[in-house]
Amino acid sequence: MLHHLSHPLSALQEAARIVSDDGSLIIAEFDSHDNELLRSDYGDRLLGIGRDEMEQMLGKAGFRLDKVEEFSVNMGLTVILYRAVR
C-alpha cells in the first residue's frame, strides 16, 4: 500500500522498470480520507491517494490505467483496486 511511503511515485517508477511491456500491476490503495487515526496508530504517511492523483502518478511512471474497482471497508474507508498496464 503506497500510503506508507513518503514518495509513492518513486515506487511506481521502480515497478514500471521491472514490469514487462504489456505487463500489469495491481495496486490496492485507500481512497483519500481524513482519518488521522491511521497516521497516528498505523504509521500511514499519506491519508490515502485520490483516484485522480493515482492516475496521474501511474501515467508519470509509464503505466496506463486499465481497470478500477472500489470497496467500502471498516471505519468509513474505501479501498480502490487499480489494474495498470505498461
PDB file of N, CA and C in Angstrom:
ATOM      1  N   MET A   1       0.841  -1.180   0.000  1.00  0.00           N
ATOM      2  CA  MET A   1       0.000   0.000   0.000  1.00  0.00           C
ATOM      3  C   MET A   1       0.888   1.246   0.000  1.00  0.00           C
ATOM      4  N   LEU A   2       0.689   2.036  -0.997  1.00  0.00           N
ATOM      5  CA  LEU A   2       1.554   3.189  -1.236  1.00  0.00           C
ATOM      6  C   LEU A   2       1.445   4.271  -0.172  1.00  0.00           C
ATOM      7  N   HIS A   3       0.367   4.295   0.591  1.00  0.00           N
ATOM      8  CA  HIS A   3       0.190   5.352   1.598  1.00  0.00           C
ATOM      9  C   HIS A   3       1.197   5.241   2.742  1.00  0.00           C
ATOM     10  N   HIS A   4       1.972   4.170   2.792  1.00  0.00           N
ATOM     11  CA  HIS A   4       3.019   4.019   3.808  1.00  0.00           C
ATOM     12  C   HIS A   4       4.357   4.620   3.349  1.00  0.00           C
ATOM     13  N   LEU A   5       4.425   5.054   2.112  1.00  0.00           N
ATOM     14  CA  LEU A   5       5.677   5.560   1.548  1.00  0.00           C
ATOM     15  C   LEU A   5       5.695   7.079   1.490  1.00  0.00           C
ATOM     16  N   SER A   6       6.872   7.653   1.654  1.00  0.00           N
ATOM     17  CA  SER A   6       6.979   9.105   1.541  1.00  0.00           C
ATOM     18  C   SER A   6       6.993   9.551   0.082  1.00  0.00           C
ATOM     19  N   HIS A   7       7.388   8.670  -0.838  1.00  0.00           N
ATOM     20  CA  HIS A   7       7.447   9.007  -2.267  1.00  0.00           C
ATOM     21  C   HIS A   7       6.824   7.876  -3.092  1.00  0.00           C
ATOM     22  N   PRO A   8       5.498   7.787  -3.111  1.00  0.00           N
ATOM     23  CA  PRO A   8       4.859   6.683  -3.843  1.00  0.00           C
ATOM     24  C   PRO A   8       5.161   6.677  -5.335  1.00  0.00           C
ATOM     25  N   LEU A   9       5.385   7.847  -5.929  1.00  0.00           N
ATOM     26  CA  LEU A   9       5.716   7.878  -7.354  1.00  0.00           C
ATOM     27  C   LEU A   9       7.006   7.118  -7.629  1.00  0.00           C
ATOM     28  N   SER A  10       7.977   7.232  -6.743  1.00  0.00           N
ATOM     29  CA  SER A  10       9.238   6.501  -6.916  1.00  0.00           C
ATOM     30  C   SER A  10       9.003   4.998  -6.933  1.00  0.00           C
ATOM     31  N   ALA A  11       8.105   4.524  -6.092  1.00  0.00           N
ATOM     32  CA  ALA A  11       7.786   3.096  -6.060  1.00  0.00           C
ATOM     33  C   ALA A  11       7.116   2.665  -7.363  1.00  0.00           C
ATOM     34  N   LEU A  12       6.232   3.503  -7.893  1.00  0.00           N
ATOM     35  CA  LEU A  12       5.576   3.175  -9.156  1.00  0.00           C
ATOM     36  C   LEU A  12       6.574   3.189 -10.308  1.00  0.00           C
ATOM     37  N   GLN A  13       7.524   4.099 -10.271  1.00  0.00           N
ATOM     38  CA  GLN A  13       8.555   4.140 -11.309  1.00  0.00           C
ATOM     39  C   GLN A  13       9.431   2.893 -11.245  1.00  0.00           C
ATOM     40  N   GLU A  14       9.742   2.437 -10.057  1.00  0.00           N
ATOM     41  CA  GLU A  14      10.523   1.205  -9.909  1.00  0.00           C
ATOM     42  C   GLU A  14       9.721   0.011 -10.409  1.00  0.00           C
ATOM     43  N   ALA A  15       8.432  -0.017 -10.107  1.00  0.00           N
ATOM     44  CA  ALA A  15       7.584  -1.099 -10.606  1.00  0.00           C
ATOM     45  C   ALA A  15       7.572  -1.091 -12.132  1.00  0.00           C
ATOM     46  N   ALA A  16       7.487   0.085 -12.737  1.00  0.00           N
ATOM     47  CA  ALA A  16       7.481   0.179 -14.200  1.00  0.00           C
ATOM     48  C   ALA A  16       8.785  -0.338 -14.784  1.00  0.00           C
ATOM     49  N   ARG A  17       9.869  -0.164 -14.055  1.00  0.00           N
ATOM     50  CA  ARG A  17      11.168  -0.641 -14.532  1.00  0.00           C
ATOM     51  C   ARG A  17      11.196  -2.160 -14.658  1.00  0.00           C
ATOM     52  N   ILE A  18      10.506  -2.852 -13.751  1.00  0.00           N
ATOM     53  CA  ILE A  18      10.592  -4.318 -13.745  1.00  0.00           C
ATOM     54  C   ILE A  18       9.382  -5.018 -14.365  1.00  0.00           C
ATOM     55  N   VAL A  19       8.290  -4.302 -14.590  1.00  0.00           N
ATOM     56  CA  VAL A  19       7.123  -4.904 -15.243  1.00  0.00           C
ATOM     57  C   VAL A  19       7.383  -4.909 -16.748  1.00  0.00           C
ATOM     58  N   SER A  20       7.191  -6.054 -17.373  1.00  0.00           N
ATOM     59  CA  SER A  20       7.467  -6.166 -18.800  1.00  0.00           C
ATOM     60  C   SER A  20       6.441  -5.379 -19.628  1.00  0.00           C
ATOM     61  N   ASP A  21       6.818  -5.089 -20.872  1.00  0.00           N
ATOM     62  CA  ASP A  21       5.881  -4.444 -21.783  1.00  0.00           C
ATOM     63  C   ASP A  21       4.621  -5.302 -21.863  1.00  0.00           C
ATOM     64  N   ASP A  22       3.477  -4.665 -21.855  1.00  0.00           N
ATOM     65  CA  ASP A  22       2.167  -5.321 -21.830  1.00  0.00           C
ATOM     66  C   ASP A  22       1.895  -6.045 -20.512  1.00  0.00           C
ATOM     67  N   GLY A  23       2.791  -5.897 -19.532  1.00  0.00           N
ATOM     68  CA  GLY A  23       2.572  -6.473 -18.210  1.00  0.00           C
ATOM     69  C   GLY A  23       1.638  -5.588 -17.406  1.00  0.00           C
ATOM     70  N   SER A  24       1.163  -6.118 -16.300  1.00  0.00           N
ATOM     71  CA  SER A  24       0.230  -5.341 -15.476  1.00  0.00           C
ATOM     72  C   SER A  24       0.692  -5.271 -14.028  1.00  0.00           C
ATOM     73  N   LEU A  25       0.166  -4.275 -13.354  1.00  0.00           N
ATOM     74  CA  LEU A  25       0.442  -4.028 -11.942  1.00  0.00           C
ATOM     75  C   LEU A  25      -0.901  -3.849 -11.253  1.00  0.00           C
ATOM     76  N   ILE A  26      -1.101  -4.545 -10.144  1.00  0.00           N
ATOM     77  CA  ILE A  26      -2.315  -4.409  -9.353  1.00  0.00           C
ATOM     78  C   ILE A  26      -1.953  -3.656  -8.079  1.00  0.00           C
ATOM     79  N   ILE A  27      -2.712  -2.617  -7.791  1.00  0.00           N
ATOM     80  CA  ILE A  27      -2.475  -1.791  -6.602  1.00  0.00           C
ATOM     81  C   ILE A  27      -3.748  -1.745  -5.783  1.00  0.00           C
ATOM     82  N   ALA A  28      -3.625  -1.983  -4.491  1.00  0.00           N
ATOM     83  CA  ALA A  28      -4.728  -1.786  -3.543  1.00  0.00           C
ATOM     84  C   ALA A  28      -4.353  -0.574  -2.691  1.00  0.00           C
ATOM     85  N   GLU A  29      -5.184   0.443  -2.722  1.00  0.00           N
ATOM     86  CA  GLU A  29      -4.861   1.681  -2.013  1.00  0.00           C
ATOM     87  C   GLU A  29      -6.127   2.318  -1.453  1.00  0.00           C
ATOM     88  N   PHE A  30      -6.007   2.904  -0.263  1.00  0.00           N
ATOM     89  CA  PHE A  30      -7.124   3.671   0.281  1.00  0.00           C
ATOM     90  C   PHE A  30      -7.372   4.900  -0.581  1.00  0.00           C
ATOM     91  N   ASP A  31      -8.647   5.214  -0.808  1.00  0.00           N
ATOM     92  CA  ASP A  31      -9.006   6.496  -1.401  1.00  0.00           C
ATOM     93  C   ASP A  31      -8.643   7.566  -0.382  1.00  0.00           C
ATOM     94  N   SER A  32      -8.445   8.802  -0.821  1.00  0.00           N
ATOM     95  CA  SER A  32      -8.091   9.851   0.138  1.00  0.00           C
ATOM     96  C   SER A  32      -9.198   9.993   1.180  1.00  0.00           C
ATOM     97  N   HIS A  33      -8.768  10.266   2.416  1.00  0.00           N
ATOM     98  CA  HIS A  33      -9.681  10.356   3.550  1.00  0.00           C
ATOM     99  C   HIS A  33      -9.076  11.295   4.580  1.00  0.00           C
ATOM    100  N   ASP A  34      -9.786  11.505   5.672  1.00  0.00           N
ATOM    101  CA  ASP A  34      -9.269  12.409   6.713  1.00  0.00           C
ATOM    102  C   ASP A  34      -9.166  11.730   8.084  1.00  0.00           C
ATOM    103  N   ASN A  35      -9.043  10.420   8.092  1.00  0.00           N
ATOM    104  CA  ASN A  35      -8.972   9.670   9.346  1.00  0.00           C
ATOM    105  C   ASN A  35      -7.530   9.662   9.870  1.00  0.00           C
ATOM    106  N   GLU A  36      -7.220  10.616  10.731  1.00  0.00           N
ATOM    107  CA  GLU A  36      -5.861  10.763  11.280  1.00  0.00           C
ATOM    108  C   GLU A  36      -5.439   9.569  12.144  1.00  0.00           C
ATOM    109  N   LEU A  37      -6.384   8.753  12.579  1.00  0.00           N
ATOM    110  CA  LEU A  37      -6.067   7.560  13.366  1.00  0.00           C
ATOM    111  C   LEU A  37      -5.115   6.642  12.594  1.00  0.00           C
ATOM    112  N   LEU A  38      -5.268   6.581  11.304  1.00  0.00           N
ATOM    113  CA  LEU A  38      -4.391   5.723  10.514  1.00  0.00           C
ATOM    114  C   LEU A  38      -2.956   6.246  10.486  1.00  0.00           C
ATOM    115  N   ARG A  39      -2.811   7.530  10.583  1.00  0.00           N
ATOM    116  CA  ARG A  39      -1.458   8.113  10.647  1.00  0.00           C
ATOM    117  C   ARG A  39      -0.848   7.880  12.033  1.00  0.00           C
ATOM    118  N   SER A  40      -1.613   8.167  13.076  1.00  0.00           N
ATOM    119  CA  SER A  40      -1.071   8.078  14.435  1.00  0.00           C
ATOM    120  C   SER A  40      -0.908   6.636  14.916  1.00  0.00           C
ATOM    121  N   ASP A  41      -1.835   5.764  14.602  1.00  0.00           N
ATOM    122  CA  ASP A  41      -1.783   4.391  15.114  1.00  0.00           C
ATOM    123  C   ASP A  41      -1.104   3.392  14.184  1.00  0.00           C
ATOM    124  N   TYR A  42      -1.115   3.668  12.874  1.00  0.00           N
ATOM    125  CA  TYR A  42      -0.588   2.692  11.920  1.00  0.00           C
ATOM    126  C   TYR A  42       0.590   3.206  11.101  1.00  0.00           C
ATOM    127  N   GLY A  43       0.987   4.441  11.335  1.00  0.00           N
ATOM    128  CA  GLY A  43       2.164   4.973  10.661  1.00  0.00           C
ATOM    129  C   GLY A  43       1.969   5.349   9.208  1.00  0.00           C
ATOM    130  N   ASP A  44       0.721   5.538   8.796  1.00  0.00           N
ATOM    131  CA  ASP A  44       0.490   5.957   7.412  1.00  0.00           C
ATOM    132  C   ASP A  44       1.115   7.329   7.180  1.00  0.00           C
ATOM    133  N   ARG A  45       1.837   7.479   6.099  1.00  0.00           N
ATOM    134  CA  ARG A  45       2.421   8.780   5.770  1.00  0.00           C
ATOM    135  C   ARG A  45       1.408   9.648   5.032  1.00  0.00           C
ATOM    136  N   LEU A  46       0.566   9.014   4.223  1.00  0.00           N
ATOM    137  CA  LEU A  46      -0.466   9.721   3.469  1.00  0.00           C
ATOM    138  C   LEU A  46      -1.827   9.218   3.905  1.00  0.00           C
ATOM    139  N   LEU A  47      -2.808  10.076   3.872  1.00  0.00           N
ATOM    140  CA  LEU A  47      -4.174   9.659   4.189  1.00  0.00           C
ATOM    141  C   LEU A  47      -4.857   9.261   2.881  1.00  0.00           C
ATOM    142  N   GLY A  48      -4.397   8.136   2.359  1.00  0.00           N
ATOM    143  CA  GLY A  48      -4.907   7.613   1.107  1.00  0.00           C
ATOM    144  C   GLY A  48      -4.398   8.406  -0.080  1.00  0.00           C
ATOM    145  N   ILE A  49      -4.779   7.931  -1.256  1.00  0.00           N
ATOM    146  CA  ILE A  49      -4.417   8.593  -2.504  1.00  0.00           C
ATOM    147  C   ILE A  49      -5.683   8.645  -3.349  1.00  0.00           C
ATOM    148  N   GLY A  50      -6.073   9.833  -3.730  1.00  0.00           N
ATOM    149  CA  GLY A  50      -7.272  10.004  -4.549  1.00  0.00           C
ATOM    150  C   GLY A  50      -7.104   9.397  -5.931  1.00  0.00           C
ATOM    151  N   ARG A  51      -8.214   9.076  -6.525  1.00  0.00           N
ATOM    152  CA  ARG A  51      -8.225   8.411  -7.828  1.00  0.00           C
ATOM    153  C   ARG A  51      -7.516   9.232  -8.909  1.00  0.00           C
ATOM    154  N   ASP A  52      -7.779  10.518  -8.970  1.00  0.00           N
ATOM    155  CA  ASP A  52      -7.130  11.373  -9.977  1.00  0.00           C
ATOM    156  C   ASP A  52      -5.622  11.422  -9.769  1.00  0.00           C
ATOM    157  N   GLU A  53      -5.211  11.560  -8.516  1.00  0.00           N
ATOM    158  CA  GLU A  53      -3.778  11.609  -8.209  1.00  0.00           C
ATOM    159  C   GLU A  53      -3.103  10.290  -8.579  1.00  0.00           C
ATOM    160  N   MET A  54      -3.770   9.165  -8.278  1.00  0.00           N
ATOM    161  CA  MET A  54      -3.201   7.860  -8.621  1.00  0.00           C
ATOM    162  C   MET A  54      -3.052   7.727 -10.127  1.00  0.00           C
ATOM    163  N   GLU A  55      -4.063   8.141 -10.876  1.00  0.00           N
ATOM    164  CA  GLU A  55      -3.990   8.040 -12.335  1.00  0.00           C
ATOM    165  C   GLU A  55      -2.844   8.892 -12.876  1.00  0.00           C
ATOM    166  N   GLN A  56      -2.646  10.085 -12.313  1.00  0.00           N
ATOM    167  CA  GLN A  56      -1.541  10.944 -12.737  1.00  0.00           C
ATOM    168  C   GLN A  56      -0.194  10.301 -12.435  1.00  0.00           C
ATOM    169  N   MET A  57      -0.048   9.749 -11.225  1.00  0.00           N
ATOM    170  CA  MET A  57       1.219   9.102 -10.864  1.00  0.00           C
ATOM    171  C   MET A  57       1.498   7.898 -11.757  1.00  0.00           C
ATOM    172  N   LEU A  58       0.475   7.106 -12.019  1.00  0.00           N
ATOM    173  CA  LEU A  58       0.657   5.944 -12.895  1.00  0.00           C
ATOM    174  C   LEU A  58       1.117   6.392 -14.277  1.00  0.00           C
ATOM    175  N   GLY A  59       0.522   7.456 -14.806  1.00  0.00           N
ATOM    176  CA  GLY A  59       0.934   7.977 -16.109  1.00  0.00           C
ATOM    177  C   GLY A  59       2.376   8.446 -16.105  1.00  0.00           C
ATOM    178  N   LYS A  60       2.773   9.165 -15.059  1.00  0.00           N
ATOM    179  CA  LYS A  60       4.156   9.634 -14.957  1.00  0.00           C
ATOM    180  C   LYS A  60       5.140   8.472 -14.870  1.00  0.00           C
ATOM    181  N   ALA A  61       4.689   7.357 -14.289  1.00  0.00           N
ATOM    182  CA  ALA A  61       5.556   6.189 -14.134  1.00  0.00           C
ATOM    183  C   ALA A  61       5.585   5.319 -15.396  1.00  0.00           C
ATOM    184  N   GLY A  62       4.722   5.623 -16.356  1.00  0.00           N
ATOM    185  CA  GLY A  62       4.731   4.843 -17.594  1.00  0.00           C
ATOM    186  C   GLY A  62       3.644   3.792 -17.686  1.00  0.00           C
ATOM    187  N   PHE A  63       2.635   3.893 -16.841  1.00  0.00           N
ATOM    188  CA  PHE A  63       1.517   2.949 -16.870  1.00  0.00           C
ATOM    189  C   PHE A  63       0.281   3.619 -17.451  1.00  0.00           C
ATOM    190  N   ARG A  64      -0.642   2.791 -17.902  1.00  0.00           N
ATOM    191  CA  ARG A  64      -1.965   3.231 -18.327  1.00  0.00           C
ATOM    192  C   ARG A  64      -2.983   2.534 -17.443  1.00  0.00           C
ATOM    193  N   LEU A  65      -3.896   3.297 -16.892  1.00  0.00           N
ATOM    194  CA  LEU A  65      -4.931   2.734 -16.028  1.00  0.00           C
ATOM    195  C   LEU A  65      -5.899   1.920 -16.879  1.00  0.00           C
ATOM    196  N   ASP A  66      -6.110   0.664 -16.497  1.00  0.00           N
ATOM    197  CA  ASP A  66      -6.941  -0.249 -17.279  1.00  0.00           C
ATOM    198  C   ASP A  66      -8.276  -0.542 -16.603  1.00  0.00           C
ATOM    199  N   LYS A  67      -8.263  -0.699 -15.275  1.00  0.00           N
ATOM    200  CA  LYS A  67      -9.481  -1.078 -14.567  1.00  0.00           C
ATOM    201  C   LYS A  67      -9.417  -0.558 -13.135  1.00  0.00           C
ATOM    202  N   VAL A  68     -10.572  -0.162 -12.613  1.00  0.00           N
ATOM    203  CA  VAL A  68     -10.663   0.357 -11.248  1.00  0.00           C
ATOM    204  C   VAL A  68     -11.899  -0.248 -10.584  1.00  0.00           C
ATOM    205  N   GLU A  69     -11.727  -0.727  -9.359  1.00  0.00           N
ATOM    206  CA  GLU A  69     -12.853  -1.220  -8.562  1.00  0.00           C
ATOM    207  C   GLU A  69     -12.741  -0.634  -7.166  1.00  0.00           C
ATOM    208  N   GLU A  70     -13.876  -0.252  -6.582  1.00  0.00           N
ATOM    209  CA  GLU A  70     -13.895   0.332  -5.244  1.00  0.00           C
ATOM    210  C   GLU A  70     -14.641  -0.581  -4.281  1.00  0.00           C
ATOM    211  N   PHE A  71     -14.143  -0.620  -3.031  1.00  0.00           N
ATOM    212  CA  PHE A  71     -14.741  -1.445  -1.991  1.00  0.00           C
ATOM    213  C   PHE A  71     -14.803  -0.648  -0.692  1.00  0.00           C
ATOM    214  N   SER A  72     -15.979  -0.569  -0.100  1.00  0.00           N
ATOM    215  CA  SER A  72     -16.111   0.053   1.221  1.00  0.00           C
ATOM    216  C   SER A  72     -15.582  -0.919   2.257  1.00  0.00           C
ATOM    217  N   VAL A  73     -14.797  -0.389   3.193  1.00  0.00           N
ATOM    218  CA  VAL A  73     -14.220  -1.217   4.257  1.00  0.00           C
ATOM    219  C   VAL A  73     -14.499  -0.558   5.604  1.00  0.00           C
ATOM    220  N   ASN A  74     -13.888  -1.057   6.653  1.00  0.00           N
ATOM    221  CA  ASN A  74     -14.106  -0.551   8.013  1.00  0.00           C
ATOM    222  C   ASN A  74     -13.779   0.934   8.141  1.00  0.00           C
ATOM    223  N   MET A  75     -14.315   1.536   9.157  1.00  0.00           N
ATOM    224  CA  MET A  75     -14.041   2.920   9.556  1.00  0.00           C
ATOM    225  C   MET A  75     -14.404   3.934   8.466  1.00  0.00           C
ATOM    226  N   GLY A  76     -15.344   3.584   7.599  1.00  0.00           N
ATOM    227  CA  GLY A  76     -15.777   4.503   6.564  1.00  0.00           C
ATOM    228  C   GLY A  76     -14.784   4.702   5.433  1.00  0.00           C
ATOM    229  N   LEU A  77     -13.795   3.847   5.340  1.00  0.00           N
ATOM    230  CA  LEU A  77     -12.757   3.970   4.313  1.00  0.00           C
ATOM    231  C   LEU A  77     -13.165   3.223   3.046  1.00  0.00           C
ATOM    232  N   THR A  78     -12.552   3.619   1.955  1.00  0.00           N
ATOM    233  CA  THR A  78     -12.736   2.945   0.677  1.00  0.00           C
ATOM    234  C   THR A  78     -11.382   2.488   0.176  1.00  0.00           C
ATOM    235  N   VAL A  79     -11.302   1.213  -0.196  1.00  0.00           N
ATOM    236  CA  VAL A  79     -10.099   0.673  -0.845  1.00  0.00           C
ATOM    237  C   VAL A  79     -10.393   0.647  -2.329  1.00  0.00           C
ATOM    238  N   ILE A  80      -9.440   1.151  -3.101  1.00  0.00           N
ATOM    239  CA  ILE A  80      -9.568   1.119  -4.554  1.00  0.00           C
ATOM    240  C   ILE A  80      -8.523   0.154  -5.114  1.00  0.00           C
ATOM    241  N   LEU A  81      -8.978  -0.763  -5.937  1.00  0.00           N
ATOM    242  CA  LEU A  81      -8.073  -1.661  -6.656  1.00  0.00           C
ATOM    243  C   LEU A  81      -7.868  -1.102  -8.051  1.00  0.00           C
ATOM    244  N   TYR A  82      -6.613  -0.936  -8.403  1.00  0.00           N
ATOM    245  CA  TYR A  82      -6.242  -0.423  -9.718  1.00  0.00           C
ATOM    246  C   TYR A  82      -5.514  -1.522 -10.475  1.00  0.00           C
ATOM    247  N   ARG A  83      -5.860  -1.679 -11.737  1.00  0.00           N
ATOM    248  CA  ARG A  83      -5.061  -2.513 -12.641  1.00  0.00           C
ATOM    249  C   ARG A  83      -4.477  -1.559 -13.663  1.00  0.00           C
ATOM    250  N   ALA A  84      -3.145  -1.504 -13.682  1.00  0.00           N
ATOM    251  CA  ALA A  84      -2.431  -0.625 -14.607  1.00  0.00           C
ATOM    252  C   ALA A  84      -1.576  -1.494 -15.524  1.00  0.00           C
ATOM    253  N   VAL A  85      -1.458  -1.082 -16.773  1.00  0.00           N
ATOM    254  CA  VAL A  85      -0.659  -1.836 -17.740  1.00  0.00           C
ATOM    255  C   VAL A  85       0.429  -0.939 -18.317  1.00  0.00           C
ATOM    256  N   ARG A  86       1.518  -1.590 -18.755  1.00  0.00           N
ATOM    257  CA  ARG A  86       2.617  -0.867 -19.403  1.00  0.00           C
ATOM    258  C   ARG A  86       2.473  -0.907 -20.894  1.00  0.00           C
TER     259      ARG A  86
END
